Amino acid sequence: MALTIKKNDVVVVISGRDKGKKGRVLSVNRKKGTILVENCNFVKRHTRPIPQKNIKGGILEKEAPLPFCKVKLFCSDCQNPTSIKSQIGDKGKKMRVCKKCGAALVKGA
């Protein structure tokens, strides 16, 4: 599976309970086909207190991984979620390009 989303990219959730939310990609798991998006897909975890590690017990909220099919990359030029295509640049390097407006997508922008 060719994955075009990388760490620190800005993505938009396109389906599910967090539909429309925008966030930065924290991690990518290519084997499982999931990504972790900042401030999206919060779940509650019940944790036990561990005094040796200074962990307080209780109910914690944290981000859970999302499947790749539920997000699209956000283009900063056309301000829309978009698909990506690959092009060879002037210097012979492969780069990611927005399918809607044709602008080059910079990592983390």
N, C-alpha and C. Protein backbone atom coordinates (compact mmCIF):
# COMPACT_ATOMS: atom_id res chain seq x y z
N MET A 1 0.84 -1.18 0.00
CA MET A 1 0.00 0.00 0.00
C MET A 1 0.89 1.24 0.00
N ALA A 2 0.72 2.11 -0.99
CA ALA A 2 1.49 3.34 -1.06
C ALA A 2 0.81 4.40 -0.21
N LEU A 3 1.48 4.81 0.85
CA LEU A 3 0.91 5.79 1.75
C LEU A 3 1.54 7.15 1.49
N THR A 4 0.69 8.14 1.29
CA THR A 4 1.21 9.46 0.96
C THR A 4 1.16 10.40 2.14
N ILE A 5 0.63 9.97 3.27
CA ILE A 5 0.57 10.81 4.45
C ILE A 5 1.78 10.51 5.34
N LYS A 6 2.45 11.57 5.78
CA LYS A 6 3.66 11.42 6.59
C LYS A 6 3.50 12.13 7.92
N LYS A 7 4.42 11.88 8.83
CA LYS A 7 4.42 12.53 10.13
C LYS A 7 4.53 14.05 9.96
N ASN A 8 3.83 14.79 10.81
CA ASN A 8 3.78 16.26 10.83
C ASN A 8 2.97 16.87 9.69
N ASP A 9 2.29 16.07 8.86
CA ASP A 9 1.38 16.61 7.86
C ASP A 9 0.10 17.06 8.55
N VAL A 10 -0.60 18.02 7.96
CA VAL A 10 -1.90 18.44 8.47
C VAL A 10 -2.97 17.71 7.67
N VAL A 11 -3.87 17.02 8.40
CA VAL A 11 -4.91 16.23 7.75
C VAL A 11 -6.29 16.65 8.27
N VAL A 12 -7.32 16.28 7.51
CA VAL A 12 -8.71 16.53 7.89
C VAL A 12 -9.41 15.19 7.97
N VAL A 13 -10.18 14.97 9.04
CA VAL A 13 -10.95 13.74 9.20
C VAL A 13 -12.18 13.86 8.31
N ILE A 14 -12.41 12.87 7.43
CA ILE A 14 -13.52 12.95 6.47
C ILE A 14 -14.72 12.10 6.85
N SER A 15 -14.59 11.23 7.86
CA SER A 15 -15.75 10.45 8.29
C SER A 15 -15.59 10.05 9.75
N GLY A 16 -16.71 9.70 10.36
CA GLY A 16 -16.69 9.30 11.76
C GLY A 16 -17.17 10.42 12.66
N ARG A 17 -17.05 10.23 13.96
CA ARG A 17 -17.58 11.21 14.91
C ARG A 17 -16.78 12.50 14.94
N ASP A 18 -15.54 12.48 14.47
CA ASP A 18 -14.70 13.67 14.44
C ASP A 18 -14.63 14.29 13.05
N LYS A 19 -15.64 14.05 12.22
CA LYS A 19 -15.66 14.54 10.84
C LYS A 19 -15.49 16.05 10.80
N GLY A 20 -14.56 16.52 9.94
CA GLY A 20 -14.32 17.95 9.79
C GLY A 20 -13.19 18.48 10.64
N LYS A 21 -12.73 17.71 11.63
CA LYS A 21 -11.64 18.18 12.48
C LYS A 21 -10.32 18.15 11.72
N LYS A 22 -9.48 19.13 12.03
CA LYS A 22 -8.18 19.23 11.38
C LYS A 22 -7.12 19.05 12.45
N GLY A 23 -6.05 18.32 12.13
CA GLY A 23 -4.99 18.10 13.09
C GLY A 23 -3.70 17.65 12.44
N ARG A 24 -2.63 17.68 13.23
CA ARG A 24 -1.30 17.28 12.77
C ARG A 24 -1.10 15.79 13.03
N VAL A 25 -0.44 15.10 12.12
CA VAL A 25 -0.17 13.68 12.27
C VAL A 25 0.97 13.49 13.27
N LEU A 26 0.71 12.73 14.34
CA LEU A 26 1.72 12.48 15.37
C LEU A 26 2.56 11.25 15.06
N SER A 27 1.91 10.19 14.52
CA SER A 27 2.66 9.00 14.17
C SER A 27 1.93 8.23 13.07
N VAL A 28 2.69 7.43 12.34
CA VAL A 28 2.17 6.64 11.24
C VAL A 28 2.55 5.18 11.45
N ASN A 29 1.58 4.27 11.39
CA ASN A 29 1.85 2.84 11.48
C ASN A 29 1.49 2.21 10.14
N ARG A 30 2.49 2.02 9.29
CA ARG A 30 2.25 1.51 7.94
C ARG A 30 1.80 0.06 7.94
N LYS A 31 2.27 -0.72 8.90
CA LYS A 31 1.89 -2.14 8.97
C LYS A 31 0.40 -2.31 9.23
N LYS A 32 -0.13 -1.54 10.20
CA LYS A 32 -1.55 -1.64 10.54
C LYS A 32 -2.42 -0.72 9.69
N GLY A 33 -1.82 0.23 8.99
CA GLY A 33 -2.59 1.15 8.17
C GLY A 33 -3.32 2.20 8.98
N THR A 34 -2.69 2.65 10.07
CA THR A 34 -3.33 3.64 10.93
C THR A 34 -2.41 4.84 11.16
N ILE A 35 -3.04 5.96 11.54
CA ILE A 35 -2.28 7.15 11.91
C ILE A 35 -2.86 7.72 13.19
N LEU A 36 -2.04 8.46 13.92
CA LEU A 36 -2.45 9.12 15.15
C LEU A 36 -2.51 10.61 14.87
N VAL A 37 -3.71 11.21 15.00
CA VAL A 37 -3.92 12.62 14.68
C VAL A 37 -4.12 13.40 15.97
N GLU A 38 -3.46 14.54 16.05
CA GLU A 38 -3.53 15.41 17.22
C GLU A 38 -4.95 15.93 17.42
N ASN A 39 -5.47 15.81 18.65
CA ASN A 39 -6.79 16.30 19.05
C ASN A 39 -7.95 15.67 18.29
N CYS A 40 -7.81 14.44 17.84
CA CYS A 40 -8.89 13.73 17.16
C CYS A 40 -9.01 12.31 17.72
N ASN A 41 -10.21 11.76 17.69
CA ASN A 41 -10.49 10.38 18.08
C ASN A 41 -10.06 10.10 19.52
N PHE A 42 -10.56 10.90 20.46
CA PHE A 42 -10.25 10.71 21.87
C PHE A 42 -11.00 9.50 22.42
N VAL A 43 -10.30 8.69 23.23
CA VAL A 43 -10.90 7.55 23.92
C VAL A 43 -10.53 7.66 25.40
N LYS A 44 -11.32 7.01 26.24
CA LYS A 44 -11.06 7.03 27.67
C LYS A 44 -10.38 5.73 28.08
N ARG A 45 -9.32 5.86 28.87
CA ARG A 45 -8.58 4.70 29.38
C ARG A 45 -8.62 4.74 30.90
N HIS A 46 -9.00 3.61 31.49
CA HIS A 46 -9.00 3.49 32.95
C HIS A 46 -7.61 3.01 33.36
N THR A 47 -6.92 3.79 34.17
CA THR A 47 -5.56 3.44 34.57
C THR A 47 -5.46 3.28 36.07
N ARG A 48 -4.58 2.41 36.44
CA ARG A 48 -4.32 2.14 37.84
C ARG A 48 -3.16 3.03 38.31
N PRO A 49 -3.19 3.52 39.53
CA PRO A 49 -2.08 4.36 39.98
C PRO A 49 -0.79 3.57 40.15
N ILE A 50 0.32 4.16 39.71
CA ILE A 50 1.64 3.54 39.86
C ILE A 50 2.54 4.58 40.55
N PRO A 51 2.69 4.49 41.87
CA PRO A 51 3.46 5.51 42.60
C PRO A 51 4.93 5.58 42.20
N GLN A 52 5.54 4.46 41.79
CA GLN A 52 6.96 4.46 41.42
C GLN A 52 7.21 5.34 40.19
N LYS A 53 6.25 5.40 39.28
CA LYS A 53 6.40 6.18 38.05
C LYS A 53 5.63 7.50 38.10
N ASN A 54 5.11 7.86 39.28
CA ASN A 54 4.33 9.08 39.47
C ASN A 54 3.12 9.16 38.54
N ILE A 55 2.44 8.04 38.32
CA ILE A 55 1.24 8.01 37.49
C ILE A 55 0.03 7.97 38.41
N LYS A 56 -0.84 8.97 38.26
CA LYS A 56 -2.07 8.99 39.04
C LYS A 56 -3.09 8.10 38.36
N GLY A 57 -3.89 7.43 39.13
CA GLY A 57 -4.93 6.58 38.58
C GLY A 57 -6.14 7.39 38.17
N GLY A 58 -7.07 6.74 37.53
CA GLY A 58 -8.31 7.40 37.13
C GLY A 58 -8.61 7.18 35.66
N ILE A 59 -9.49 8.02 35.15
CA ILE A 59 -9.90 7.91 33.75
C ILE A 59 -9.14 8.98 32.95
N LEU A 60 -8.31 8.52 32.03
CA LEU A 60 -7.52 9.42 31.20
C LEU A 60 -8.09 9.46 29.79
N GLU A 61 -8.02 10.62 29.15
CA GLU A 61 -8.41 10.73 27.75
C GLU A 61 -7.16 10.87 26.90
N LYS A 62 -7.10 10.08 25.82
CA LYS A 62 -5.96 10.18 24.91
C LYS A 62 -6.41 9.87 23.49
N GLU A 63 -5.55 10.23 22.53
CA GLU A 63 -5.87 9.99 21.13
C GLU A 63 -5.69 8.52 20.79
N ALA A 64 -6.58 8.01 19.95
CA ALA A 64 -6.48 6.64 19.46
C ALA A 64 -6.19 6.70 17.96
N PRO A 65 -5.57 5.66 17.41
CA PRO A 65 -5.25 5.66 15.98
C PRO A 65 -6.51 5.63 15.11
N LEU A 66 -6.40 6.25 13.93
CA LEU A 66 -7.45 6.26 12.92
C LEU A 66 -6.96 5.51 11.69
N PRO A 67 -7.85 4.84 10.95
CA PRO A 67 -7.43 4.24 9.67
C PRO A 67 -7.12 5.32 8.64
N PHE A 68 -6.22 5.02 7.70
CA PHE A 68 -5.83 5.98 6.68
C PHE A 68 -7.01 6.43 5.83
N CYS A 69 -7.98 5.54 5.61
CA CYS A 69 -9.09 5.87 4.72
C CYS A 69 -10.01 6.93 5.30
N LYS A 70 -9.88 7.25 6.59
CA LYS A 70 -10.75 8.24 7.23
C LYS A 70 -10.18 9.65 7.21
N VAL A 71 -9.00 9.84 6.64
CA VAL A 71 -8.41 11.18 6.60
C VAL A 71 -7.94 11.53 5.19
N LYS A 72 -7.89 12.85 4.93
CA LYS A 72 -7.32 13.36 3.69
C LYS A 72 -6.35 14.47 4.04
N LEU A 73 -5.34 14.63 3.23
CA LEU A 73 -4.35 15.67 3.44
C LEU A 73 -4.96 17.04 3.19
N PHE A 74 -4.57 18.04 3.99
CA PHE A 74 -5.10 19.40 3.87
C PHE A 74 -4.13 20.24 3.06
N CYS A 75 -4.63 20.84 1.98
CA CYS A 75 -3.81 21.71 1.12
C CYS A 75 -3.91 23.13 1.66
N SER A 76 -2.79 23.74 2.00
CA SER A 76 -2.79 25.09 2.56
C SER A 76 -3.06 26.15 1.49
N ASP A 77 -2.85 25.82 0.22
CA ASP A 77 -3.09 26.80 -0.85
C ASP A 77 -4.58 26.93 -1.17
N CYS A 78 -5.25 25.81 -1.45
CA CYS A 78 -6.67 25.88 -1.80
C CYS A 78 -7.59 25.72 -0.59
N GLN A 79 -7.02 25.51 0.61
CA GLN A 79 -7.77 25.40 1.87
C GLN A 79 -8.84 24.31 1.84
N ASN A 80 -8.53 23.17 1.21
CA ASN A 80 -9.45 22.05 1.11
C ASN A 80 -8.73 20.74 1.38
N PRO A 81 -9.48 19.73 1.88
CA PRO A 81 -8.90 18.39 1.94
C PRO A 81 -8.75 17.87 0.51
N THR A 82 -7.64 17.22 0.24
CA THR A 82 -7.37 16.83 -1.14
C THR A 82 -6.66 15.49 -1.22
N SER A 83 -6.71 14.90 -2.40
CA SER A 83 -5.91 13.73 -2.71
C SER A 83 -4.55 14.21 -3.20
N ILE A 84 -3.61 13.29 -3.32
CA ILE A 84 -2.25 13.66 -3.68
C ILE A 84 -1.82 12.87 -4.90
N LYS A 85 -1.03 13.52 -5.74
CA LYS A 85 -0.38 12.78 -6.83
C LYS A 85 1.11 13.10 -6.78
N SER A 86 1.90 12.21 -7.32
CA SER A 86 3.35 12.39 -7.32
C SER A 86 3.80 12.95 -8.65
N GLN A 87 4.77 13.86 -8.60
CA GLN A 87 5.36 14.42 -9.80
C GLN A 87 6.86 14.51 -9.62
N ILE A 88 7.55 14.49 -10.74
CA ILE A 88 9.00 14.68 -10.71
C ILE A 88 9.25 16.18 -10.85
N GLY A 89 10.02 16.75 -9.91
CA GLY A 89 10.30 18.18 -9.90
C GLY A 89 11.37 18.56 -10.89
N ASP A 90 11.77 19.84 -10.84
CA ASP A 90 12.78 20.38 -11.76
C ASP A 90 14.13 19.70 -11.58
N LYS A 91 14.48 19.42 -10.34
CA LYS A 91 15.79 18.83 -10.05
C LYS A 91 15.77 17.31 -10.09
N GLY A 92 14.69 16.73 -10.55
CA GLY A 92 14.60 15.27 -10.64
C GLY A 92 14.13 14.60 -9.38
N LYS A 93 13.70 15.37 -8.38
CA LYS A 93 13.21 14.81 -7.12
C LYS A 93 11.71 14.59 -7.20
N LYS A 94 11.26 13.53 -6.56
CA LYS A 94 9.84 13.23 -6.51
C LYS A 94 9.19 14.13 -5.46
N MET A 95 8.03 14.71 -5.79
CA MET A 95 7.34 15.56 -4.83
C MET A 95 5.84 15.30 -4.87
N ARG A 96 5.19 15.65 -3.75
CA ARG A 96 3.75 15.46 -3.63
C ARG A 96 3.03 16.73 -4.08
N VAL A 97 1.98 16.54 -4.89
CA VAL A 97 1.27 17.67 -5.47
C VAL A 97 -0.22 17.52 -5.20
N CYS A 98 -0.90 18.64 -4.90
CA CYS A 98 -2.35 18.67 -4.69
C CYS A 98 -3.06 18.37 -6.00
N LYS A 99 -4.05 17.47 -5.97
CA LYS A 99 -4.78 17.13 -7.20
C LYS A 99 -5.74 18.24 -7.62
N LYS A 100 -6.20 19.07 -6.68
CA LYS A 100 -7.18 20.11 -7.00
C LYS A 100 -6.53 21.36 -7.61
N CYS A 101 -5.47 21.86 -6.94
CA CYS A 101 -4.89 23.13 -7.40
C CYS A 101 -3.51 22.97 -8.04
N GLY A 102 -2.87 21.82 -7.86
CA GLY A 102 -1.57 21.59 -8.48
C GLY A 102 -0.39 22.14 -7.69
N ALA A 103 -0.62 22.63 -6.48
CA ALA A 103 0.46 23.20 -5.68
C ALA A 103 1.27 22.08 -5.01
N ALA A 104 2.56 22.32 -4.86
CA ALA A 104 3.42 21.35 -4.19
C ALA A 104 3.10 21.37 -2.69
N LEU A 105 2.97 20.17 -2.09
CA LEU A 105 2.67 20.06 -0.67
C LEU A 105 3.95 19.91 0.12
N VAL A 106 4.15 20.84 1.04
CA VAL A 106 5.34 20.82 1.88
C VAL A 106 5.00 20.10 3.17
N LYS A 107 5.90 19.25 3.62
CA LYS A 107 5.70 18.49 4.85
C LYS A 107 5.57 19.42 6.04
N GLY A 108 4.49 19.23 6.81
CA GLY A 108 4.27 20.02 8.01
C GLY A 108 3.62 21.37 7.78
N ALA A 109 3.26 21.69 6.56
CA ALA A 109 2.62 22.99 6.31
C ALA A 109 1.13 22.86 6.14
